[in-house]
Amino acid sequence: MSTQPEATTETVEGDTTLAALSHASALVASFLGPLLFLILADDDDDLVERNAKNSLNFQLIIFIAMVVSGLLTVVLVGFLLLPLIGLLDLVLVLIATLRANNGQVYSYPYTPDIL
């Protein structure tokens, strides 16, 4: 039995294109992209709303990690962390975009529900 939390998925009916774009928009606009999709999501489209919330939660965590890594550049550790965090963000957002395009609600690993 594994003690590490893993990414979870659940299939829900809704607009798969907007759900996938709620994740992919984070690559262009950080947490503002998912926030826009969360605001513009229809009230009855649970797939887009849940994917946008998960994406926004993850992007807030990535933003905090980037700020901390930026501060750690003073002691040179941040120079190693910044590209790793960027790569992790890219890979997980691409996975989430593909899963959302298949109609699944993707929850990022190790990401608390802030919203």
N, C-alpha and C. Protein backbone atom coordinates (compact mmCIF):
# COMPACT_ATOMS: atom_id res chain seq x y z
N MET A 1 0.84 -1.18 0.00
CA MET A 1 0.00 0.00 0.00
C MET A 1 0.89 1.25 0.00
N SER A 2 0.63 2.12 -0.93
CA SER A 2 1.44 3.33 -1.08
C SER A 2 0.96 4.43 -0.14
N THR A 3 1.89 5.14 0.47
CA THR A 3 1.53 6.24 1.36
C THR A 3 1.61 7.58 0.67
N GLN A 4 2.10 7.61 -0.58
CA GLN A 4 2.23 8.87 -1.29
C GLN A 4 0.95 9.16 -2.06
N PRO A 5 0.44 10.40 -1.96
CA PRO A 5 -0.76 10.73 -2.73
C PRO A 5 -0.43 10.78 -4.21
N GLU A 6 -1.37 10.32 -5.01
CA GLU A 6 -1.18 10.31 -6.44
C GLU A 6 -2.25 11.18 -7.09
N ALA A 7 -2.02 11.51 -8.35
CA ALA A 7 -3.01 12.26 -9.11
C ALA A 7 -4.23 11.38 -9.29
N THR A 8 -5.40 11.98 -9.15
CA THR A 8 -6.63 11.22 -9.30
C THR A 8 -7.44 11.78 -10.46
N THR A 9 -8.22 10.90 -11.06
CA THR A 9 -9.09 11.31 -12.15
C THR A 9 -10.47 10.74 -11.93
N GLU A 10 -11.47 11.44 -12.43
CA GLU A 10 -12.85 11.02 -12.34
C GLU A 10 -13.53 11.52 -13.61
N THR A 11 -14.30 10.67 -14.27
CA THR A 11 -14.96 11.06 -15.51
C THR A 11 -16.28 11.77 -15.21
N VAL A 12 -16.47 12.95 -15.84
CA VAL A 12 -17.65 13.78 -15.63
C VAL A 12 -18.10 14.30 -16.99
N GLU A 13 -19.41 14.48 -17.16
CA GLU A 13 -19.93 15.05 -18.40
C GLU A 13 -19.72 16.56 -18.42
N GLY A 14 -19.38 17.10 -19.59
CA GLY A 14 -19.21 18.54 -19.73
C GLY A 14 -18.43 18.87 -20.98
N ASP A 15 -18.10 20.12 -21.14
CA ASP A 15 -17.36 20.60 -22.31
C ASP A 15 -15.88 20.27 -22.14
N THR A 16 -15.43 19.25 -22.85
CA THR A 16 -14.06 18.77 -22.69
C THR A 16 -13.04 19.77 -23.24
N THR A 17 -13.42 20.52 -24.26
CA THR A 17 -12.49 21.49 -24.84
C THR A 17 -12.17 22.60 -23.84
N LEU A 18 -13.20 23.15 -23.22
CA LEU A 18 -12.96 24.21 -22.23
C LEU A 18 -12.24 23.67 -21.00
N ALA A 19 -12.54 22.43 -20.62
CA ALA A 19 -11.85 21.83 -19.48
C ALA A 19 -10.36 21.67 -19.77
N ALA A 20 -10.03 21.23 -20.99
CA ALA A 20 -8.62 21.08 -21.37
C ALA A 20 -7.95 22.45 -21.46
N LEU A 21 -8.65 23.44 -21.99
CA LEU A 21 -8.07 24.78 -22.09
C LEU A 21 -7.87 25.42 -20.72
N SER A 22 -8.66 25.03 -19.73
CA SER A 22 -8.46 25.58 -18.39
C SER A 22 -7.11 25.17 -17.82
N HIS A 23 -6.63 24.00 -18.23
CA HIS A 23 -5.29 23.57 -17.82
C HIS A 23 -4.22 24.19 -18.71
N ALA A 24 -4.43 24.12 -20.03
CA ALA A 24 -3.42 24.60 -20.97
C ALA A 24 -3.19 26.10 -20.86
N SER A 25 -4.21 26.84 -20.46
CA SER A 25 -4.05 28.30 -20.34
C SER A 25 -3.04 28.67 -19.27
N ALA A 26 -2.77 27.76 -18.35
CA ALA A 26 -1.79 28.02 -17.29
C ALA A 26 -0.38 28.14 -17.86
N LEU A 27 -0.13 27.52 -18.99
CA LEU A 27 1.20 27.62 -19.60
C LEU A 27 1.46 29.01 -20.15
N VAL A 28 0.39 29.73 -20.48
CA VAL A 28 0.52 31.06 -21.05
C VAL A 28 0.33 32.14 -19.99
N ALA A 29 -0.65 31.95 -19.11
CA ALA A 29 -1.02 33.02 -18.19
C ALA A 29 -0.95 32.62 -16.72
N SER A 30 -0.17 31.63 -16.37
CA SER A 30 0.00 31.19 -14.99
C SER A 30 -1.35 30.95 -14.34
N PHE A 31 -1.63 31.54 -13.19
CA PHE A 31 -2.89 31.29 -12.51
C PHE A 31 -4.04 32.15 -13.04
N LEU A 32 -3.75 33.13 -13.88
CA LEU A 32 -4.82 33.97 -14.43
C LEU A 32 -5.65 33.24 -15.48
N GLY A 33 -5.04 32.32 -16.23
CA GLY A 33 -5.77 31.54 -17.23
C GLY A 33 -6.84 30.67 -16.60
N PRO A 34 -6.49 29.80 -15.64
CA PRO A 34 -7.52 28.99 -14.98
C PRO A 34 -8.56 29.84 -14.24
N LEU A 35 -8.13 30.97 -13.69
CA LEU A 35 -9.07 31.86 -13.01
C LEU A 35 -10.12 32.38 -13.98
N LEU A 36 -9.70 32.75 -15.18
CA LEU A 36 -10.63 33.23 -16.20
C LEU A 36 -11.63 32.14 -16.57
N PHE A 37 -11.17 30.91 -16.75
CA PHE A 37 -12.08 29.81 -17.09
C PHE A 37 -13.01 29.49 -15.93
N LEU A 38 -12.56 29.65 -14.70
CA LEU A 38 -13.41 29.42 -13.54
C LEU A 38 -14.52 30.46 -13.49
N ILE A 39 -14.20 31.70 -13.79
CA ILE A 39 -15.20 32.77 -13.78
C ILE A 39 -16.19 32.59 -14.93
N LEU A 40 -15.69 32.21 -16.10
CA LEU A 40 -16.55 32.12 -17.28
C LEU A 40 -17.27 30.78 -17.43
N ALA A 41 -16.98 29.81 -16.59
CA ALA A 41 -17.61 28.49 -16.70
C ALA A 41 -19.10 28.59 -16.44
N ASP A 42 -19.88 27.84 -17.22
CA ASP A 42 -21.33 27.78 -16.98
C ASP A 42 -21.58 27.16 -15.61
N ASP A 43 -22.68 27.56 -14.99
CA ASP A 43 -23.00 27.04 -13.66
C ASP A 43 -23.28 25.54 -13.69
N ASP A 44 -23.78 25.03 -14.81
CA ASP A 44 -24.12 23.61 -14.88
C ASP A 44 -23.00 22.75 -15.48
N ASP A 45 -21.85 23.34 -15.81
CA ASP A 45 -20.73 22.58 -16.38
C ASP A 45 -19.73 22.23 -15.28
N ASP A 46 -19.98 21.10 -14.64
CA ASP A 46 -19.16 20.66 -13.52
C ASP A 46 -17.74 20.30 -13.96
N LEU A 47 -17.59 19.77 -15.16
CA LEU A 47 -16.27 19.37 -15.66
C LEU A 47 -15.32 20.55 -15.78
N VAL A 48 -15.78 21.63 -16.39
CA VAL A 48 -14.93 22.81 -16.57
C VAL A 48 -14.64 23.45 -15.22
N GLU A 49 -15.64 23.56 -14.37
CA GLU A 49 -15.45 24.20 -13.07
C GLU A 49 -14.46 23.45 -12.20
N ARG A 50 -14.58 22.14 -12.12
CA ARG A 50 -13.68 21.36 -11.27
C ARG A 50 -12.27 21.32 -11.82
N ASN A 51 -12.13 21.22 -13.15
CA ASN A 51 -10.78 21.24 -13.74
C ASN A 51 -10.14 22.61 -13.56
N ALA A 52 -10.91 23.68 -13.72
CA ALA A 52 -10.35 25.03 -13.54
C ALA A 52 -9.91 25.24 -12.09
N LYS A 53 -10.69 24.75 -11.13
CA LYS A 53 -10.31 24.88 -9.72
C LYS A 53 -9.03 24.11 -9.43
N ASN A 54 -8.94 22.89 -9.95
CA ASN A 54 -7.73 22.09 -9.72
C ASN A 54 -6.51 22.74 -10.36
N SER A 55 -6.69 23.27 -11.55
CA SER A 55 -5.59 23.94 -12.23
C SER A 55 -5.17 25.20 -11.48
N LEU A 56 -6.14 25.96 -11.01
CA LEU A 56 -5.84 27.18 -10.26
C LEU A 56 -5.11 26.86 -8.96
N ASN A 57 -5.55 25.84 -8.25
CA ASN A 57 -4.87 25.42 -7.02
C ASN A 57 -3.42 25.06 -7.30
N PHE A 58 -3.20 24.29 -8.36
CA PHE A 58 -1.84 23.88 -8.71
C PHE A 58 -0.98 25.07 -9.11
N GLN A 59 -1.53 25.99 -9.88
CA GLN A 59 -0.75 27.14 -10.32
C GLN A 59 -0.41 28.08 -9.16
N LEU A 60 -1.28 28.16 -8.17
CA LEU A 60 -0.95 28.94 -6.97
C LEU A 60 0.22 28.32 -6.22
N ILE A 61 0.24 26.99 -6.13
CA ILE A 61 1.35 26.30 -5.48
C ILE A 61 2.64 26.49 -6.28
N ILE A 62 2.56 26.42 -7.61
CA ILE A 62 3.72 26.65 -8.46
C ILE A 62 4.23 28.08 -8.31
N PHE A 63 3.32 29.04 -8.24
CA PHE A 63 3.71 30.44 -8.06
C PHE A 63 4.46 30.63 -6.75
N ILE A 64 3.95 30.04 -5.68
CA ILE A 64 4.61 30.13 -4.37
C ILE A 64 5.98 29.47 -4.42
N ALA A 65 6.07 28.32 -5.07
CA ALA A 65 7.36 27.62 -5.20
C ALA A 65 8.36 28.44 -6.00
N MET A 66 7.89 29.12 -7.04
CA MET A 66 8.78 29.97 -7.85
C MET A 66 9.28 31.17 -7.04
N VAL A 67 8.41 31.76 -6.23
CA VAL A 67 8.83 32.89 -5.40
C VAL A 67 9.88 32.44 -4.39
N VAL A 68 9.63 31.30 -3.74
CA VAL A 68 10.60 30.78 -2.77
C VAL A 68 11.92 30.44 -3.47
N SER A 69 11.84 29.84 -4.65
CA SER A 69 13.06 29.51 -5.39
C SER A 69 13.80 30.77 -5.82
N GLY A 70 13.04 31.80 -6.18
CA GLY A 70 13.66 33.07 -6.54
C GLY A 70 14.42 33.66 -5.37
N LEU A 71 13.84 33.55 -4.18
CA LEU A 71 14.52 34.03 -2.99
C LEU A 71 15.75 33.19 -2.67
N LEU A 72 15.69 31.91 -2.98
CA LEU A 72 16.81 31.01 -2.70
C LEU A 72 17.95 31.15 -3.70
N THR A 73 17.77 31.95 -4.73
CA THR A 73 18.89 32.18 -5.66
C THR A 73 20.02 32.93 -4.97
N VAL A 74 19.70 33.59 -3.87
CA VAL A 74 20.73 34.29 -3.10
C VAL A 74 21.77 33.30 -2.60
N VAL A 75 21.33 32.10 -2.24
CA VAL A 75 22.26 31.07 -1.76
C VAL A 75 22.51 30.01 -2.84
N LEU A 76 22.19 30.33 -4.08
CA LEU A 76 22.47 29.52 -5.27
C LEU A 76 21.61 28.27 -5.42
N VAL A 77 20.85 27.90 -4.41
CA VAL A 77 19.98 26.71 -4.51
C VAL A 77 18.84 26.98 -5.48
N GLY A 78 18.35 28.20 -5.52
CA GLY A 78 17.24 28.56 -6.38
C GLY A 78 17.53 28.36 -7.85
N PHE A 79 18.79 28.50 -8.25
CA PHE A 79 19.14 28.30 -9.66
C PHE A 79 18.90 26.86 -10.10
N LEU A 80 18.96 25.92 -9.18
CA LEU A 80 18.65 24.53 -9.49
C LEU A 80 17.15 24.26 -9.43
N LEU A 81 16.47 24.91 -8.50
CA LEU A 81 15.05 24.66 -8.31
C LEU A 81 14.17 25.29 -9.38
N LEU A 82 14.52 26.46 -9.87
CA LEU A 82 13.68 27.15 -10.85
C LEU A 82 13.42 26.32 -12.10
N PRO A 83 14.44 25.75 -12.75
CA PRO A 83 14.14 24.93 -13.94
C PRO A 83 13.39 23.65 -13.60
N LEU A 84 13.65 23.07 -12.44
CA LEU A 84 12.94 21.85 -12.05
C LEU A 84 11.46 22.12 -11.84
N ILE A 85 11.15 23.23 -11.21
CA ILE A 85 9.75 23.59 -10.99
C ILE A 85 9.06 23.89 -12.32
N GLY A 86 9.77 24.57 -13.22
CA GLY A 86 9.21 24.85 -14.54
C GLY A 86 8.93 23.58 -15.33
N LEU A 87 9.84 22.63 -15.27
CA LEU A 87 9.66 21.35 -15.97
C LEU A 87 8.51 20.55 -15.37
N LEU A 88 8.44 20.52 -14.05
CA LEU A 88 7.34 19.84 -13.37
C LEU A 88 6.00 20.45 -13.76
N ASP A 89 5.94 21.77 -13.81
CA ASP A 89 4.72 22.46 -14.21
C ASP A 89 4.33 22.07 -15.63
N LEU A 90 5.27 22.12 -16.55
CA LEU A 90 4.99 21.78 -17.95
C LEU A 90 4.46 20.37 -18.10
N VAL A 91 5.13 19.40 -17.50
CA VAL A 91 4.74 18.00 -17.65
C VAL A 91 3.37 17.74 -17.04
N LEU A 92 3.13 18.22 -15.83
CA LEU A 92 1.85 17.96 -15.19
C LEU A 92 0.69 18.68 -15.86
N VAL A 93 0.93 19.88 -16.38
CA VAL A 93 -0.12 20.60 -17.10
C VAL A 93 -0.46 19.87 -18.40
N LEU A 94 0.53 19.35 -19.10
CA LEU A 94 0.25 18.59 -20.32
C LEU A 94 -0.54 17.32 -20.03
N ILE A 95 -0.19 16.62 -18.97
CA ILE A 95 -0.94 15.42 -18.57
C ILE A 95 -2.37 15.80 -18.22
N ALA A 96 -2.54 16.86 -17.45
CA ALA A 96 -3.88 17.30 -17.05
C ALA A 96 -4.71 17.73 -18.25
N THR A 97 -4.08 18.39 -19.21
CA THR A 97 -4.80 18.82 -20.42
C THR A 97 -5.31 17.62 -21.20
N LEU A 98 -4.49 16.61 -21.34
CA LEU A 98 -4.92 15.40 -22.05
C LEU A 98 -6.04 14.68 -21.32
N ARG A 99 -5.93 14.57 -20.01
CA ARG A 99 -6.97 13.90 -19.23
C ARG A 99 -8.29 14.69 -19.28
N ALA A 100 -8.21 16.01 -19.18
CA ALA A 100 -9.42 16.83 -19.23
C ALA A 100 -10.06 16.75 -20.60
N ASN A 101 -9.26 16.63 -21.64
CA ASN A 101 -9.80 16.49 -22.99
C ASN A 101 -10.54 15.16 -23.16
N ASN A 102 -10.23 14.18 -22.33
CA ASN A 102 -10.93 12.89 -22.34
C ASN A 102 -12.14 12.89 -21.41
N GLY A 103 -12.47 14.04 -20.84
CA GLY A 103 -13.66 14.14 -19.98
C GLY A 103 -13.41 13.79 -18.53
N GLN A 104 -12.16 13.79 -18.10
CA GLN A 104 -11.84 13.44 -16.72
C GLN A 104 -11.50 14.69 -15.92
N VAL A 105 -11.81 14.65 -14.64
CA VAL A 105 -11.41 15.71 -13.72
C VAL A 105 -10.05 15.30 -13.16
N TYR A 106 -9.02 16.09 -13.44
CA TYR A 106 -7.66 15.75 -13.03
C TYR A 106 -7.29 16.54 -11.78
N SER A 107 -6.89 15.81 -10.75
CA SER A 107 -6.38 16.43 -9.53
C SER A 107 -4.88 16.24 -9.49
N TYR A 108 -4.15 17.32 -9.38
CA TYR A 108 -2.68 17.26 -9.37
C TYR A 108 -2.18 16.60 -8.09
N PRO A 109 -1.06 15.85 -8.18
CA PRO A 109 -0.52 15.23 -6.96
C PRO A 109 0.08 16.27 -6.02
N TYR A 110 -0.03 16.01 -4.74
CA TYR A 110 0.52 16.85 -3.68
C TYR A 110 0.00 18.28 -3.71
N THR A 111 -1.21 18.48 -4.18
CA THR A 111 -1.79 19.82 -4.28
C THR A 111 -3.01 19.91 -3.37
N PRO A 112 -2.97 20.80 -2.39
CA PRO A 112 -4.15 20.95 -1.50
C PRO A 112 -5.26 21.69 -2.21
N ASP A 113 -6.48 21.47 -1.73
CA ASP A 113 -7.64 22.18 -2.27
C ASP A 113 -7.74 23.55 -1.59
N ILE A 114 -7.23 24.56 -2.24
CA ILE A 114 -7.28 25.91 -1.69
C ILE A 114 -8.65 26.53 -1.99
N LEU A 115 -9.13 26.32 -3.21
CA LEU A 115 -10.43 26.85 -3.61
C LEU A 115 -11.49 25.79 -3.60
